[in-house]
Amino acid sequence: MNIMIGRLLLSRLVISLLILWFVATVVFVITNLLPGDVAQTLLGQSATPEAVAGLRKSLGLDLPPAYRYVAWLGKLVTGDAGRSLVTGQPVVALINQRTIKFFDDAGKLLPTGARPSTVGA
């Protein structure tokens, strides 16, 4: 019986990892298919070609897509999702802030008897 449960858990883990890889790949492909130049968009229409080329180089947009994909996936596996182009903050920190807020708000919706007690709250 324990062997069957272990196999089930292992198969579920493998399927979950494959789904995560598939979703990450789809996100990468779709964001690379979007029209326009990210560097040009960030710098605006009045940016010089040299400034756009410099930003493209610093963002790694001058590298081949296959190389960028492997590097991006490697960073994701190690927990580095990069930095937000809007705020400049690490993406993981932004996700953590919103996740904590989500669970805090969800906890407030639970009935009082089902909510875990907190000391001093």
C-alpha atoms as a PDB file:
ATOM      1  CA  MET A   1       0.000   0.000   0.000  1.00  0.00           C
ATOM      2  CA  ASN A   2       2.797   2.454   0.883  1.00  0.00           C
ATOM      3  CA  ILE A   3       4.539   1.744  -2.440  1.00  0.00           C
ATOM      4  CA  MET A   4       1.355   2.640  -4.320  1.00  0.00           C
ATOM      5  CA  ILE A   5       1.031   5.916  -2.420  1.00  0.00           C
ATOM      6  CA  GLY A   6       4.705   6.702  -3.086  1.00  0.00           C
ATOM      7  CA  ARG A   7       4.275   6.044  -6.801  1.00  0.00           C
ATOM      8  CA  LEU A   8       1.143   8.180  -6.881  1.00  0.00           C
ATOM      9  CA  LEU A   9       2.902  11.057  -5.128  1.00  0.00           C
ATOM     10  CA  LEU A  10       5.915  10.748  -7.415  1.00  0.00           C
ATOM     11  CA  SER A  11       3.759  10.733 -10.536  1.00  0.00           C
ATOM     12  CA  ARG A  12       1.837  13.778  -9.296  1.00  0.00           C
ATOM     13  CA  LEU A  13       5.103  15.582  -8.583  1.00  0.00           C
ATOM     14  CA  VAL A  14       6.448  14.817 -12.063  1.00  0.00           C
ATOM     15  CA  ILE A  15       3.194  15.951 -13.688  1.00  0.00           C
ATOM     16  CA  SER A  16       3.228  19.157 -11.630  1.00  0.00           C
ATOM     17  CA  LEU A  17       6.812  19.918 -12.675  1.00  0.00           C
ATOM     18  CA  LEU A  18       5.958  19.291 -16.328  1.00  0.00           C
ATOM     19  CA  ILE A  19       2.971  21.634 -16.092  1.00  0.00           C
ATOM     20  CA  LEU A  20       5.127  24.330 -14.468  1.00  0.00           C
ATOM     21  CA  TRP A  21       7.734  23.945 -17.221  1.00  0.00           C
ATOM     22  CA  PHE A  22       5.034  24.116 -19.909  1.00  0.00           C
ATOM     23  CA  VAL A  23       3.454  27.247 -18.431  1.00  0.00           C
ATOM     24  CA  ALA A  24       6.853  28.933 -18.045  1.00  0.00           C
ATOM     25  CA  THR A  25       7.690  28.100 -21.654  1.00  0.00           C
ATOM     26  CA  VAL A  26       4.365  29.443 -22.929  1.00  0.00           C
ATOM     27  CA  VAL A  27       4.863  32.665 -20.936  1.00  0.00           C
ATOM     28  CA  PHE A  28       8.365  33.097 -22.395  1.00  0.00           C
ATOM     29  CA  VAL A  29       7.215  32.449 -25.958  1.00  0.00           C
ATOM     30  CA  ILE A  30       4.199  34.762 -25.722  1.00  0.00           C
ATOM     31  CA  THR A  31       6.178  37.619 -24.195  1.00  0.00           C
ATOM     32  CA  ASN A  32       8.771  37.269 -26.958  1.00  0.00           C
ATOM     33  CA  LEU A  33       6.085  37.310 -29.645  1.00  0.00           C
ATOM     34  CA  LEU A  34       4.602  40.592 -28.449  1.00  0.00           C
ATOM     35  CA  PRO A  35       5.040  43.360 -31.005  1.00  0.00           C
ATOM     36  CA  GLY A  36       7.382  46.225 -30.361  1.00  0.00           C
ATOM     37  CA  ASP A  37      10.738  46.671 -28.697  1.00  0.00           C
ATOM     38  CA  VAL A  38      10.825  46.598 -24.899  1.00  0.00           C
ATOM     39  CA  ALA A  39      13.854  48.880 -24.750  1.00  0.00           C
ATOM     40  CA  GLN A  40      12.248  51.415 -27.087  1.00  0.00           C
ATOM     41  CA  THR A  41       9.023  51.317 -25.064  1.00  0.00           C
ATOM     42  CA  LEU A  42      10.823  51.846 -21.758  1.00  0.00           C
ATOM     43  CA  LEU A  43      12.936  54.730 -23.060  1.00  0.00           C
ATOM     44  CA  GLY A  44      10.241  56.392 -25.155  1.00  0.00           C
ATOM     45  CA  GLN A  45      10.104  57.508 -28.768  1.00  0.00           C
ATOM     46  CA  SER A  46      12.644  60.284 -28.282  1.00  0.00           C
ATOM     47  CA  ALA A  47      15.421  57.907 -27.162  1.00  0.00           C
ATOM     48  CA  THR A  48      18.584  57.785 -29.209  1.00  0.00           C
ATOM     49  CA  PRO A  49      19.480  54.559 -31.024  1.00  0.00           C
ATOM     50  CA  GLU A  50      22.587  54.278 -28.833  1.00  0.00           C
ATOM     51  CA  ALA A  51      20.484  54.451 -25.648  1.00  0.00           C
ATOM     52  CA  VAL A  52      18.093  51.817 -26.984  1.00  0.00           C
ATOM     53  CA  ALA A  53      20.989  49.548 -27.960  1.00  0.00           C
ATOM     54  CA  GLY A  54      22.557  49.992 -24.511  1.00  0.00           C
ATOM     55  CA  LEU A  55      19.324  49.094 -22.735  1.00  0.00           C
ATOM     56  CA  ARG A  56      18.790  46.100 -25.022  1.00  0.00           C
ATOM     57  CA  LYS A  57      22.281  44.899 -24.125  1.00  0.00           C
ATOM     58  CA  SER A  58      21.793  45.441 -20.376  1.00  0.00           C
ATOM     59  CA  LEU A  59      18.469  43.552 -20.482  1.00  0.00           C
ATOM     60  CA  GLY A  60      20.019  40.756 -22.549  1.00  0.00           C
ATOM     61  CA  LEU A  61      17.658  41.361 -25.470  1.00  0.00           C
ATOM     62  CA  ASP A  62      20.568  41.296 -27.901  1.00  0.00           C
ATOM     63  CA  LEU A  63      21.132  37.577 -27.200  1.00  0.00           C
ATOM     64  CA  PRO A  64      19.481  34.779 -29.199  1.00  0.00           C
ATOM     65  CA  PRO A  65      16.048  33.713 -27.875  1.00  0.00           C
ATOM     66  CA  ALA A  66      17.201  30.142 -27.139  1.00  0.00           C
ATOM     67  CA  TYR A  67      20.027  31.424 -24.934  1.00  0.00           C
ATOM     68  CA  ARG A  68      17.697  33.880 -23.168  1.00  0.00           C
ATOM     69  CA  TYR A  69      15.188  31.063 -22.557  1.00  0.00           C
ATOM     70  CA  VAL A  70      17.768  28.746 -20.973  1.00  0.00           C
ATOM     71  CA  ALA A  71      19.156  31.572 -18.823  1.00  0.00           C
ATOM     72  CA  TRP A  72      15.640  32.701 -17.807  1.00  0.00           C
ATOM     73  CA  LEU A  73      14.547  29.159 -16.947  1.00  0.00           C
ATOM     74  CA  GLY A  74      17.745  28.585 -14.969  1.00  0.00           C
ATOM     75  CA  LYS A  75      17.113  31.710 -12.934  1.00  0.00           C
ATOM     76  CA  LEU A  76      13.496  30.700 -12.327  1.00  0.00           C
ATOM     77  CA  VAL A  77      14.609  27.304 -11.026  1.00  0.00           C
ATOM     78  CA  THR A  78      16.935  29.003  -8.531  1.00  0.00           C
ATOM     79  CA  GLY A  79      14.186  31.396  -7.388  1.00  0.00           C
ATOM     80  CA  ASP A  80      15.359  34.479  -9.269  1.00  0.00           C
ATOM     81  CA  ALA A  81      12.424  35.769 -11.299  1.00  0.00           C
ATOM     82  CA  GLY A  82      14.258  38.968 -12.177  1.00  0.00           C
ATOM     83  CA  ARG A  83      13.290  42.576 -11.509  1.00  0.00           C
ATOM     84  CA  SER A  84      10.124  44.422 -12.356  1.00  0.00           C
ATOM     85  CA  LEU A  85      10.611  46.784 -15.283  1.00  0.00           C
ATOM     86  CA  VAL A  86       8.077  49.146 -13.695  1.00  0.00           C
ATOM     87  CA  THR A  87       9.265  49.371 -10.067  1.00  0.00           C
ATOM     88  CA  GLY A  88      12.763  47.899 -10.259  1.00  0.00           C
ATOM     89  CA  GLN A  89      12.005  45.626  -7.299  1.00  0.00           C
ATOM     90  CA  PRO A  90      12.636  41.872  -7.348  1.00  0.00           C
ATOM     91  CA  VAL A  91       9.606  40.059  -8.793  1.00  0.00           C
ATOM     92  CA  VAL A  92       9.704  37.460  -5.991  1.00  0.00           C
ATOM     93  CA  ALA A  93       9.352  40.223  -3.382  1.00  0.00           C
ATOM     94  CA  LEU A  94       6.352  41.675  -5.233  1.00  0.00           C
ATOM     95  CA  ILE A  95       4.693  38.247  -5.427  1.00  0.00           C
ATOM     96  CA  ASN A  96       5.387  37.625  -1.726  1.00  0.00           C
ATOM     97  CA  GLN A  97       3.802  40.963  -0.759  1.00  0.00           C
ATOM     98  CA  ARG A  98       0.647  40.170  -2.689  1.00  0.00           C
ATOM     99  CA  THR A  99       0.516  36.563  -1.459  1.00  0.00           C
ATOM    100  CA  ILE A 100       0.736  37.651   2.165  1.00  0.00           C
ATOM    101  CA  LYS A 101      -1.980  40.257   1.592  1.00  0.00           C
ATOM    102  CA  PHE A 102      -4.164  37.652  -0.154  1.00  0.00           C
ATOM    103  CA  PHE A 103      -3.950  35.166   2.707  1.00  0.00           C
ATOM    104  CA  ASP A 104      -4.439  37.943   5.258  1.00  0.00           C
ATOM    105  CA  ASP A 105      -7.628  39.065   3.496  1.00  0.00           C
ATOM    106  CA  ALA A 106      -8.794  35.469   2.996  1.00  0.00           C
ATOM    107  CA  GLY A 107      -8.267  34.791   6.701  1.00  0.00           C
ATOM    108  CA  LYS A 108     -10.527  37.709   7.576  1.00  0.00           C
ATOM    109  CA  LEU A 109     -13.329  36.083   5.596  1.00  0.00           C
ATOM    110  CA  LEU A 110     -13.205  32.875   7.619  1.00  0.00           C
ATOM    111  CA  PRO A 111     -15.733  32.458  10.409  1.00  0.00           C
ATOM    112  CA  THR A 112     -14.276  33.316  13.800  1.00  0.00           C
ATOM    113  CA  GLY A 113     -14.320  29.691  14.961  1.00  0.00           C
ATOM    114  CA  ALA A 114     -12.337  28.475  11.949  1.00  0.00           C
ATOM    115  CA  ARG A 115      -9.702  31.222  12.033  1.00  0.00           C
ATOM    116  CA  PRO A 116      -6.399  30.354  13.689  1.00  0.00           C
ATOM    117  CA  SER A 117      -5.979  32.306  16.906  1.00  0.00           C
ATOM    118  CA  THR A 118      -3.251  34.910  17.095  1.00  0.00           C
ATOM    119  CA  VAL A 119      -1.629  36.164  20.257  1.00  0.00           C
ATOM    120  CA  GLY A 120      -2.243  39.822  20.952  1.00  0.00           C
ATOM    121  CA  ALA A 121      -4.486  40.426  17.983  1.00  0.00           C
END
